[in-house]
Amino acid sequence: MKTFLNEWNMLLLTVLILHWQESAENPLVFCYRMGVRLTARMRRV
């Protein structure tokens, strides 16, 4: 389970970095939005 979580985190990081390079958006704003989205999803469950 631990290895799966580590791989998932690496995948997320890769996606984030790729998205960063594509968007001219402020990285801090993007991270904040992602955090809000994730917390909202966690609350729903």
PDB file of N, CA and C in Angstrom:
ATOM      1  N   MET A   1       0.839  -1.199   0.000  1.00  0.00           N
ATOM      2  CA  MET A   1       0.000   0.000   0.000  1.00  0.00           C
ATOM      3  C   MET A   1       0.876   1.252   0.000  1.00  0.00           C
ATOM      4  N   LYS A   2       1.982   1.177   0.759  1.00  0.00           N
ATOM      5  CA  LYS A   2       2.849   2.349   0.849  1.00  0.00           C
ATOM      6  C   LYS A   2       3.477   2.666  -0.510  1.00  0.00           C
ATOM      7  N   THR A   3       3.925   1.612  -1.207  1.00  0.00           N
ATOM      8  CA  THR A   3       4.545   1.840  -2.515  1.00  0.00           C
ATOM      9  C   THR A   3       3.523   2.423  -3.481  1.00  0.00           C
ATOM     10  N   PHE A   4       2.272   1.948  -3.384  1.00  0.00           N
ATOM     11  CA  PHE A   4       1.221   2.462  -4.258  1.00  0.00           C
ATOM     12  C   PHE A   4       1.022   3.959  -4.024  1.00  0.00           C
ATOM     13  N   LEU A   5       0.984   4.349  -2.741  1.00  0.00           N
ATOM     14  CA  LEU A   5       0.804   5.763  -2.418  1.00  0.00           C
ATOM     15  C   LEU A   5       1.972   6.592  -2.938  1.00  0.00           C
ATOM     16  N   ASN A   6       3.180   6.078  -2.792  1.00  0.00           N
ATOM     17  CA  ASN A   6       4.350   6.812  -3.283  1.00  0.00           C
ATOM     18  C   ASN A   6       4.274   6.993  -4.793  1.00  0.00           C
ATOM     19  N   GLU A   7       3.910   5.934  -5.502  1.00  0.00           N
ATOM     20  CA  GLU A   7       3.786   6.024  -6.964  1.00  0.00           C
ATOM     21  C   GLU A   7       2.693   7.016  -7.352  1.00  0.00           C
ATOM     22  N   TRP A   8       1.606   7.007  -6.598  1.00  0.00           N
ATOM     23  CA  TRP A   8       0.496   7.922  -6.886  1.00  0.00           C
ATOM     24  C   TRP A   8       0.946   9.355  -6.695  1.00  0.00           C
ATOM     25  N   ASN A   9       1.710   9.598  -5.605  1.00  0.00           N
ATOM     26  CA  ASN A   9       2.221  10.951  -5.362  1.00  0.00           C
ATOM     27  C   ASN A   9       3.148  11.391  -6.483  1.00  0.00           C
ATOM     28  N   MET A  10       4.009  10.487  -6.933  1.00  0.00           N
ATOM     29  CA  MET A  10       4.919  10.815  -8.029  1.00  0.00           C
ATOM     30  C   MET A  10       4.130  11.157  -9.297  1.00  0.00           C
ATOM     31  N   LEU A  11       3.077  10.380  -9.553  1.00  0.00           N
ATOM     32  CA  LEU A  11       2.241  10.630 -10.730  1.00  0.00           C
ATOM     33  C   LEU A  11       1.590  12.011 -10.634  1.00  0.00           C
ATOM     34  N   LEU A  12       1.054  12.320  -9.451  1.00  0.00           N
ATOM     35  CA  LEU A  12       0.426  13.627  -9.254  1.00  0.00           C
ATOM     36  C   LEU A  12       1.426  14.751  -9.468  1.00  0.00           C
ATOM     37  N   LEU A  13       2.636  14.579  -8.913  1.00  0.00           N
ATOM     38  CA  LEU A  13       3.672  15.602  -9.068  1.00  0.00           C
ATOM     39  C   LEU A  13       4.004  15.811 -10.547  1.00  0.00           C
ATOM     40  N   THR A  14       4.130  14.712 -11.281  1.00  0.00           N
ATOM     41  CA  THR A  14       4.446  14.812 -12.706  1.00  0.00           C
ATOM     42  C   THR A  14       3.351  15.575 -13.440  1.00  0.00           C
ATOM     43  N   VAL A  15       2.101  15.239 -13.141  1.00  0.00           N
ATOM     44  CA  VAL A  15       0.977  15.922 -13.789  1.00  0.00           C
ATOM     45  C   VAL A  15       0.987  17.409 -13.441  1.00  0.00           C
ATOM     46  N   LEU A  16       1.256  17.705 -12.162  1.00  0.00           N
ATOM     47  CA  LEU A  16       1.292  19.106 -11.740  1.00  0.00           C
ATOM     48  C   LEU A  16       2.371  19.880 -12.486  1.00  0.00           C
ATOM     49  N   ILE A  17       3.563  19.279 -12.583  1.00  0.00           N
ATOM     50  CA  ILE A  17       4.677  19.955 -13.257  1.00  0.00           C
ATOM     51  C   ILE A  17       4.341  20.179 -14.730  1.00  0.00           C
ATOM     52  N   LEU A  18       3.762  19.167 -15.373  1.00  0.00           N
ATOM     53  CA  LEU A  18       3.400  19.306 -16.785  1.00  0.00           C
ATOM     54  C   LEU A  18       2.365  20.413 -16.963  1.00  0.00           C
ATOM     55  N   HIS A  19       1.384  20.449 -16.067  1.00  0.00           N
ATOM     56  CA  HIS A  19       0.343  21.473 -16.150  1.00  0.00           C
ATOM     57  C   HIS A  19       0.950  22.859 -15.925  1.00  0.00           C
ATOM     58  N   TRP A  20       1.898  22.937 -14.990  1.00  0.00           N
ATOM     59  CA  TRP A  20       2.590  24.180 -14.695  1.00  0.00           C
ATOM     60  C   TRP A  20       3.222  24.757 -15.957  1.00  0.00           C
ATOM     61  N   GLN A  21       3.958  23.900 -16.673  1.00  0.00           N
ATOM     62  CA  GLN A  21       4.678  24.344 -17.866  1.00  0.00           C
ATOM     63  C   GLN A  21       3.707  24.842 -18.939  1.00  0.00           C
ATOM     64  N   GLU A  22       2.535  24.234 -18.988  1.00  0.00           N
ATOM     65  CA  GLU A  22       1.559  24.624 -20.012  1.00  0.00           C
ATOM     66  C   GLU A  22       0.881  25.939 -19.667  1.00  0.00           C
ATOM     67  N   SER A  23       0.505  26.104 -18.400  1.00  0.00           N
ATOM     68  CA  SER A  23      -0.261  27.283 -18.016  1.00  0.00           C
ATOM     69  C   SER A  23       0.659  28.409 -17.557  1.00  0.00           C
ATOM     70  N   ALA A  24       0.301  29.618 -17.917  1.00  0.00           N
ATOM     71  CA  ALA A  24       1.067  30.792 -17.481  1.00  0.00           C
ATOM     72  C   ALA A  24       0.538  31.292 -16.145  1.00  0.00           C
ATOM     73  N   GLU A  25      -0.304  30.464 -15.528  1.00  0.00           N
ATOM     74  CA  GLU A  25      -0.934  30.837 -14.271  1.00  0.00           C
ATOM     75  C   GLU A  25       0.094  30.860 -13.140  1.00  0.00           C
ATOM     76  N   ASN A  26      -0.188  31.668 -12.150  1.00  0.00           N
ATOM     77  CA  ASN A  26       0.689  31.735 -10.980  1.00  0.00           C
ATOM     78  C   ASN A  26       0.658  30.384 -10.262  1.00  0.00           C
ATOM     79  N   PRO A  27       1.809  29.759 -10.043  1.00  0.00           N
ATOM     80  CA  PRO A  27       1.844  28.441  -9.399  1.00  0.00           C
ATOM     81  C   PRO A  27       1.150  28.435  -8.041  1.00  0.00           C
ATOM     82  N   LEU A  28       1.290  29.511  -7.271  1.00  0.00           N
ATOM     83  CA  LEU A  28       0.661  29.560  -5.951  1.00  0.00           C
ATOM     84  C   LEU A  28      -0.858  29.523  -6.078  1.00  0.00           C
ATOM     85  N   VAL A  29      -1.386  30.260  -7.044  1.00  0.00           N
ATOM     86  CA  VAL A  29      -2.830  30.271  -7.263  1.00  0.00           C
ATOM     87  C   VAL A  29      -3.304  28.887  -7.668  1.00  0.00           C
ATOM     88  N   PHE A  30      -2.527  28.251  -8.551  1.00  0.00           N
ATOM     89  CA  PHE A  30      -2.889  26.911  -9.015  1.00  0.00           C
ATOM     90  C   PHE A  30      -2.892  25.920  -7.854  1.00  0.00           C
ATOM     91  N   CYS A  31      -1.842  25.967  -7.024  1.00  0.00           N
ATOM     92  CA  CYS A  31      -1.755  25.058  -5.878  1.00  0.00           C
ATOM     93  C   CYS A  31      -2.925  25.292  -4.922  1.00  0.00           C
ATOM     94  N   TYR A  32      -3.261  26.547  -4.699  1.00  0.00           N
ATOM     95  CA  TYR A  32      -4.374  26.879  -3.809  1.00  0.00           C
ATOM     96  C   TYR A  32      -5.684  26.295  -4.343  1.00  0.00           C
ATOM     97  N   ARG A  33      -5.901  26.462  -5.658  1.00  0.00           N
ATOM     98  CA  ARG A  33      -7.123  25.930  -6.268  1.00  0.00           C
ATOM     99  C   ARG A  33      -7.188  24.411  -6.134  1.00  0.00           C
ATOM    100  N   MET A  34      -6.034  23.749  -6.388  1.00  0.00           N
ATOM    101  CA  MET A  34      -5.993  22.294  -6.278  1.00  0.00           C
ATOM    102  C   MET A  34      -6.301  21.862  -4.852  1.00  0.00           C
ATOM    103  N   GLY A  35      -5.734  22.566  -3.884  1.00  0.00           N
ATOM    104  CA  GLY A  35      -5.979  22.243  -2.474  1.00  0.00           C
ATOM    105  C   GLY A  35      -7.457  22.368  -2.137  1.00  0.00           C
ATOM    106  N   VAL A  36      -8.070  23.432  -2.595  1.00  0.00           N
ATOM    107  CA  VAL A  36      -9.494  23.648  -2.340  1.00  0.00           C
ATOM    108  C   VAL A  36     -10.312  22.528  -2.961  1.00  0.00           C
ATOM    109  N   ARG A  37      -9.943  22.156  -4.182  1.00  0.00           N
ATOM    110  CA  ARG A  37     -10.676  21.101  -4.885  1.00  0.00           C
ATOM    111  C   ARG A  37     -10.559  19.776  -4.133  1.00  0.00           C
ATOM    112  N   LEU A  38      -9.334  19.477  -3.662  1.00  0.00           N
ATOM    113  CA  LEU A  38      -9.103  18.214  -2.965  1.00  0.00           C
ATOM    114  C   LEU A  38      -9.859  18.174  -1.643  1.00  0.00           C
ATOM    115  N   THR A  39      -9.823  19.271  -0.878  1.00  0.00           N
ATOM    116  CA  THR A  39     -10.518  19.289   0.407  1.00  0.00           C
ATOM    117  C   THR A  39     -12.020  19.152   0.197  1.00  0.00           C
ATOM    118  N   ALA A  40     -12.546  19.793  -0.849  1.00  0.00           N
ATOM    119  CA  ALA A  40     -13.977  19.694  -1.144  1.00  0.00           C
ATOM    120  C   ALA A  40     -14.345  18.252  -1.456  1.00  0.00           C
ATOM    121  N   ARG A  41     -13.467  17.570  -2.202  1.00  0.00           N
ATOM    122  CA  ARG A  41     -13.739  16.181  -2.572  1.00  0.00           C
ATOM    123  C   ARG A  41     -13.701  15.297  -1.331  1.00  0.00           C
ATOM    124  N   MET A  42     -12.766  15.576  -0.421  1.00  0.00           N
ATOM    125  CA  MET A  42     -12.648  14.764   0.792  1.00  0.00           C
ATOM    126  C   MET A  42     -13.874  14.956   1.682  1.00  0.00           C
ATOM    127  N   ARG A  43     -14.373  16.183   1.748  1.00  0.00           N
ATOM    128  CA  ARG A  43     -15.545  16.449   2.594  1.00  0.00           C
ATOM    129  C   ARG A  43     -16.768  15.706   2.073  1.00  0.00           C
ATOM    130  N   ARG A  44     -16.859  15.612   0.755  1.00  0.00           N
ATOM    131  CA  ARG A  44     -18.021  14.969   0.146  1.00  0.00           C
ATOM    132  C   ARG A  44     -18.101  13.494   0.547  1.00  0.00           C
ATOM    133  N   VAL A  45     -16.952  12.837   0.551  1.00  0.00           N
ATOM    134  CA  VAL A  45     -16.923  11.394   0.841  1.00  0.00           C
ATOM    135  C   VAL A  45     -17.279  11.145   2.298  1.00  0.00           C
TER     136      VAL A  45
END
